[in-house]
Amino acid sequence: MFDDFMTPETLTTFIGLVAATSLIVQFTKPLIKKWLPDVFVRIYVFVIALLLTFIFDNGDFTIQSIALKVVNAMLITTSAMGGYEALSNPLSQNK
């Protein structure tokens, strides 16, 4: 279990990035949904995940590392969105 709140070291892990992405998106999603349709929320989640991945990564900016950061941001996005869906709708009931 964690002994601290979020730290830069936590945000260099997959779980830390998923948690941070989920928290940021859930606190700011009402602002996005006020002006844009629901489809843009997925893009918004990806942008947040990509930004956090670039900010808290090792600073390597080769073509390979940038491609890997994009793929990792996709994984973080799907995990963050899936985690929220599992918590908000545990029985998978459509509304």
N, C-alpha and C. Protein backbone atom coordinates (compact mmCIF):
# COMPACT_ATOMS: atom_id res chain seq x y z
N MET A 1 0.83 -1.18 0.00
CA MET A 1 0.00 0.00 0.00
C MET A 1 0.88 1.24 0.00
N PHE A 2 0.32 2.35 -0.40
CA PHE A 2 1.08 3.59 -0.46
C PHE A 2 1.24 4.20 0.93
N ASP A 3 2.42 4.76 1.17
CA ASP A 3 2.66 5.49 2.41
C ASP A 3 2.57 6.99 2.19
N ASP A 4 2.61 7.42 0.92
CA ASP A 4 2.60 8.82 0.56
C ASP A 4 1.45 9.13 -0.37
N PHE A 5 1.27 10.42 -0.60
CA PHE A 5 0.37 10.84 -1.67
C PHE A 5 1.12 10.67 -2.99
N MET A 6 0.59 11.20 -4.06
CA MET A 6 1.26 11.11 -5.36
C MET A 6 2.63 11.79 -5.30
N THR A 7 3.62 11.12 -5.82
CA THR A 7 4.97 11.68 -5.92
C THR A 7 5.43 11.55 -7.36
N PRO A 8 6.48 12.26 -7.74
CA PRO A 8 7.01 12.07 -9.09
C PRO A 8 7.42 10.62 -9.37
N GLU A 9 7.89 9.94 -8.36
CA GLU A 9 8.26 8.53 -8.55
C GLU A 9 7.03 7.68 -8.83
N THR A 10 5.92 7.99 -8.17
CA THR A 10 4.68 7.26 -8.42
C THR A 10 4.22 7.48 -9.85
N LEU A 11 4.39 8.69 -10.34
CA LEU A 11 3.93 9.02 -11.69
C LEU A 11 4.84 8.50 -12.79
N THR A 12 5.89 7.80 -12.43
CA THR A 12 6.71 7.13 -13.45
C THR A 12 6.28 5.68 -13.63
N THR A 13 5.25 5.25 -12.90
CA THR A 13 4.75 3.88 -13.03
C THR A 13 3.43 3.88 -13.79
N PHE A 14 3.10 2.73 -14.34
CA PHE A 14 1.85 2.60 -15.10
C PHE A 14 0.64 2.89 -14.21
N ILE A 15 0.60 2.29 -13.04
CA ILE A 15 -0.52 2.48 -12.13
C ILE A 15 -0.63 3.93 -11.69
N GLY A 16 0.49 4.57 -11.44
CA GLY A 16 0.48 5.98 -11.05
C GLY A 16 -0.08 6.87 -12.15
N LEU A 17 0.30 6.60 -13.39
CA LEU A 17 -0.20 7.40 -14.51
C LEU A 17 -1.69 7.15 -14.75
N VAL A 18 -2.12 5.91 -14.61
CA VAL A 18 -3.55 5.61 -14.76
C VAL A 18 -4.35 6.33 -13.68
N ALA A 19 -3.88 6.27 -12.44
CA ALA A 19 -4.59 6.93 -11.34
C ALA A 19 -4.63 8.45 -11.53
N ALA A 20 -3.50 9.04 -11.91
CA ALA A 20 -3.46 10.49 -12.10
C ALA A 20 -4.35 10.92 -13.27
N THR A 21 -4.31 10.16 -14.35
CA THR A 21 -5.17 10.47 -15.50
C THR A 21 -6.63 10.39 -15.11
N SER A 22 -7.01 9.35 -14.40
CA SER A 22 -8.40 9.19 -13.97
C SER A 22 -8.84 10.35 -13.07
N LEU A 23 -8.00 10.72 -12.12
CA LEU A 23 -8.35 11.80 -11.21
C LEU A 23 -8.50 13.13 -11.94
N ILE A 24 -7.54 13.45 -12.79
CA ILE A 24 -7.60 14.73 -13.52
C ILE A 24 -8.84 14.78 -14.40
N VAL A 25 -9.10 13.70 -15.12
CA VAL A 25 -10.24 13.68 -16.03
C VAL A 25 -11.55 13.77 -15.27
N GLN A 26 -11.70 13.04 -14.19
CA GLN A 26 -12.96 13.06 -13.46
C GLN A 26 -13.24 14.41 -12.82
N PHE A 27 -12.20 15.12 -12.42
CA PHE A 27 -12.41 16.44 -11.83
C PHE A 27 -12.66 17.52 -12.88
N THR A 28 -12.18 17.32 -14.10
CA THR A 28 -12.31 18.36 -15.12
C THR A 28 -13.30 18.00 -16.23
N LYS A 29 -13.80 16.78 -16.24
CA LYS A 29 -14.72 16.35 -17.30
C LYS A 29 -15.98 17.20 -17.41
N PRO A 30 -16.59 17.65 -16.31
CA PRO A 30 -17.79 18.49 -16.47
C PRO A 30 -17.52 19.77 -17.27
N LEU A 31 -16.33 20.31 -17.15
CA LEU A 31 -15.98 21.50 -17.93
C LEU A 31 -15.91 21.18 -19.42
N ILE A 32 -15.35 20.03 -19.76
CA ILE A 32 -15.23 19.62 -21.16
C ILE A 32 -16.61 19.30 -21.74
N LYS A 33 -17.42 18.57 -20.97
CA LYS A 33 -18.74 18.16 -21.46
C LYS A 33 -19.70 19.33 -21.60
N LYS A 34 -19.38 20.44 -20.94
CA LYS A 34 -20.23 21.62 -21.05
C LYS A 34 -20.18 22.20 -22.46
N TRP A 35 -19.02 22.12 -23.11
CA TRP A 35 -18.85 22.74 -24.42
C TRP A 35 -18.74 21.75 -25.57
N LEU A 36 -18.36 20.52 -25.30
CA LEU A 36 -18.12 19.55 -26.37
C LEU A 36 -18.96 18.29 -26.17
N PRO A 37 -19.28 17.58 -27.27
CA PRO A 37 -20.03 16.32 -27.13
C PRO A 37 -19.21 15.25 -26.39
N ASP A 38 -19.90 14.20 -25.96
CA ASP A 38 -19.26 13.13 -25.19
C ASP A 38 -18.11 12.45 -25.92
N VAL A 39 -18.14 12.45 -27.23
CA VAL A 39 -17.08 11.77 -28.00
C VAL A 39 -15.72 12.39 -27.71
N PHE A 40 -15.68 13.68 -27.45
CA PHE A 40 -14.41 14.36 -27.22
C PHE A 40 -13.80 14.03 -25.87
N VAL A 41 -14.56 13.44 -24.98
CA VAL A 41 -14.01 13.06 -23.68
C VAL A 41 -12.91 12.02 -23.86
N ARG A 42 -13.08 11.10 -24.77
CA ARG A 42 -12.04 10.08 -25.03
C ARG A 42 -10.76 10.73 -25.53
N ILE A 43 -10.91 11.70 -26.41
CA ILE A 43 -9.73 12.41 -26.92
C ILE A 43 -9.08 13.18 -25.78
N TYR A 44 -9.90 13.78 -24.94
CA TYR A 44 -9.40 14.53 -23.78
C TYR A 44 -8.61 13.61 -22.84
N VAL A 45 -9.13 12.42 -22.58
CA VAL A 45 -8.42 11.46 -21.72
C VAL A 45 -7.07 11.11 -22.33
N PHE A 46 -7.04 10.89 -23.64
CA PHE A 46 -5.78 10.56 -24.33
C PHE A 46 -4.79 11.71 -24.22
N VAL A 47 -5.25 12.93 -24.41
CA VAL A 47 -4.36 14.09 -24.33
C VAL A 47 -3.76 14.21 -22.93
N ILE A 48 -4.57 14.03 -21.91
CA ILE A 48 -4.07 14.08 -20.53
C ILE A 48 -3.04 12.98 -20.30
N ALA A 49 -3.34 11.76 -20.74
CA ALA A 49 -2.41 10.64 -20.57
C ALA A 49 -1.11 10.91 -21.32
N LEU A 50 -1.20 11.44 -22.53
CA LEU A 50 0.00 11.73 -23.32
C LEU A 50 0.84 12.81 -22.66
N LEU A 51 0.20 13.86 -22.17
CA LEU A 51 0.94 14.93 -21.48
C LEU A 51 1.66 14.39 -20.25
N LEU A 52 0.95 13.63 -19.43
CA LEU A 52 1.59 13.07 -18.23
C LEU A 52 2.72 12.12 -18.59
N THR A 53 2.55 11.35 -19.66
CA THR A 53 3.60 10.43 -20.09
C THR A 53 4.85 11.20 -20.51
N PHE A 54 4.69 12.28 -21.25
CA PHE A 54 5.84 13.08 -21.66
C PHE A 54 6.48 13.80 -20.47
N ILE A 55 5.67 14.32 -19.57
CA ILE A 55 6.21 15.08 -18.44
C ILE A 55 7.00 14.20 -17.48
N PHE A 56 6.48 13.01 -17.19
CA PHE A 56 7.11 12.17 -16.17
C PHE A 56 7.93 11.02 -16.73
N ASP A 57 8.33 11.11 -17.98
CA ASP A 57 9.18 10.09 -18.56
C ASP A 57 10.65 10.49 -18.41
N ASN A 58 11.53 9.67 -18.93
CA ASN A 58 12.97 9.86 -18.74
C ASN A 58 13.58 10.99 -19.56
N GLY A 59 12.84 11.63 -20.44
CA GLY A 59 13.38 12.74 -21.21
C GLY A 59 14.02 12.35 -22.53
N ASP A 60 13.91 11.11 -22.92
CA ASP A 60 14.46 10.64 -24.19
C ASP A 60 13.47 10.98 -25.30
N PHE A 61 13.93 11.69 -26.34
CA PHE A 61 13.03 12.12 -27.41
C PHE A 61 13.48 11.61 -28.77
N THR A 62 13.77 10.33 -28.86
CA THR A 62 14.04 9.71 -30.16
C THR A 62 12.71 9.31 -30.79
N ILE A 63 12.75 8.98 -32.07
CA ILE A 63 11.53 8.55 -32.77
C ILE A 63 10.92 7.34 -32.06
N GLN A 64 11.75 6.38 -31.67
CA GLN A 64 11.26 5.17 -31.01
C GLN A 64 10.61 5.51 -29.66
N SER A 65 11.24 6.36 -28.89
CA SER A 65 10.69 6.67 -27.57
C SER A 65 9.39 7.47 -27.69
N ILE A 66 9.29 8.34 -28.68
CA ILE A 66 8.06 9.10 -28.87
C ILE A 66 6.92 8.16 -29.28
N ALA A 67 7.21 7.23 -30.19
CA ALA A 67 6.20 6.25 -30.60
C ALA A 67 5.77 5.40 -29.40
N LEU A 68 6.73 5.02 -28.58
CA LEU A 68 6.42 4.22 -27.40
C LEU A 68 5.58 5.03 -26.39
N LYS A 69 5.86 6.31 -26.26
CA LYS A 69 5.07 7.16 -25.37
C LYS A 69 3.61 7.26 -25.85
N VAL A 70 3.42 7.34 -27.16
CA VAL A 70 2.06 7.39 -27.71
C VAL A 70 1.32 6.08 -27.43
N VAL A 71 2.00 4.96 -27.65
CA VAL A 71 1.38 3.66 -27.38
C VAL A 71 1.07 3.51 -25.89
N ASN A 72 2.01 3.92 -25.04
CA ASN A 72 1.77 3.86 -23.60
C ASN A 72 0.61 4.75 -23.19
N ALA A 73 0.49 5.92 -23.80
CA ALA A 73 -0.63 6.81 -23.50
C ALA A 73 -1.96 6.17 -23.90
N MET A 74 -1.95 5.41 -24.99
CA MET A 74 -3.17 4.68 -25.39
C MET A 74 -3.54 3.64 -24.34
N LEU A 75 -2.54 2.91 -23.83
CA LEU A 75 -2.80 1.92 -22.78
C LEU A 75 -3.30 2.59 -21.50
N ILE A 76 -2.71 3.71 -21.15
CA ILE A 76 -3.14 4.44 -19.96
C ILE A 76 -4.57 4.93 -20.14
N THR A 77 -4.88 5.43 -21.35
CA THR A 77 -6.23 5.92 -21.64
C THR A 77 -7.26 4.83 -21.48
N THR A 78 -7.02 3.68 -22.09
CA THR A 78 -8.01 2.60 -22.01
C THR A 78 -8.13 2.07 -20.58
N SER A 79 -7.03 2.04 -19.86
CA SER A 79 -7.09 1.58 -18.47
C SER A 79 -7.82 2.58 -17.59
N ALA A 80 -7.55 3.86 -17.78
CA ALA A 80 -8.22 4.88 -16.97
C ALA A 80 -9.72 4.90 -17.26
N MET A 81 -10.10 4.80 -18.52
CA MET A 81 -11.51 4.80 -18.86
C MET A 81 -12.19 3.52 -18.42
N GLY A 82 -11.52 2.40 -18.57
CA GLY A 82 -12.08 1.12 -18.14
C GLY A 82 -12.22 1.03 -16.64
N GLY A 83 -11.26 1.60 -15.92
CA GLY A 83 -11.34 1.60 -14.47
C GLY A 83 -12.50 2.42 -13.98
N TYR A 84 -12.73 3.55 -14.61
CA TYR A 84 -13.87 4.38 -14.23
C TYR A 84 -15.18 3.67 -14.54
N GLU A 85 -15.27 3.06 -15.71
CA GLU A 85 -16.49 2.35 -16.08
C GLU A 85 -16.77 1.21 -15.11
N ALA A 86 -15.73 0.49 -14.69
CA ALA A 86 -15.92 -0.61 -13.76
C ALA A 86 -16.41 -0.13 -12.40
N LEU A 87 -15.94 1.05 -11.98
CA LEU A 87 -16.36 1.58 -10.68
C LEU A 87 -17.74 2.24 -10.75
N SER A 88 -18.02 2.94 -11.84
CA SER A 88 -19.28 3.67 -11.91
C SER A 88 -20.44 2.79 -12.32
N ASN A 89 -20.16 1.68 -13.00
CA ASN A 89 -21.23 0.79 -13.48
C ASN A 89 -20.78 -0.66 -13.29
N PRO A 90 -20.67 -1.13 -12.03
CA PRO A 90 -20.08 -2.45 -11.78
C PRO A 90 -20.86 -3.62 -12.38
N LEU A 91 -22.14 -3.47 -12.61
CA LEU A 91 -22.92 -4.56 -13.17
C LEU A 91 -23.06 -4.45 -14.68
N SER A 92 -22.35 -3.48 -15.28
CA SER A 92 -22.36 -3.26 -16.74
C SER A 92 -23.77 -3.06 -17.29
N GLN A 93 -24.55 -2.31 -16.59
CA GLN A 93 -25.91 -2.02 -17.06
C GLN A 93 -25.89 -0.77 -17.91
N ASN A 94 -26.50 -0.85 -19.08
CA ASN A 94 -26.61 0.32 -19.95
C ASN A 94 -27.67 1.25 -19.42
N LYS A 95 -27.41 2.52 -19.52
CA LYS A 95 -28.36 3.52 -19.00
C LYS A 95 -29.20 4.06 -20.12
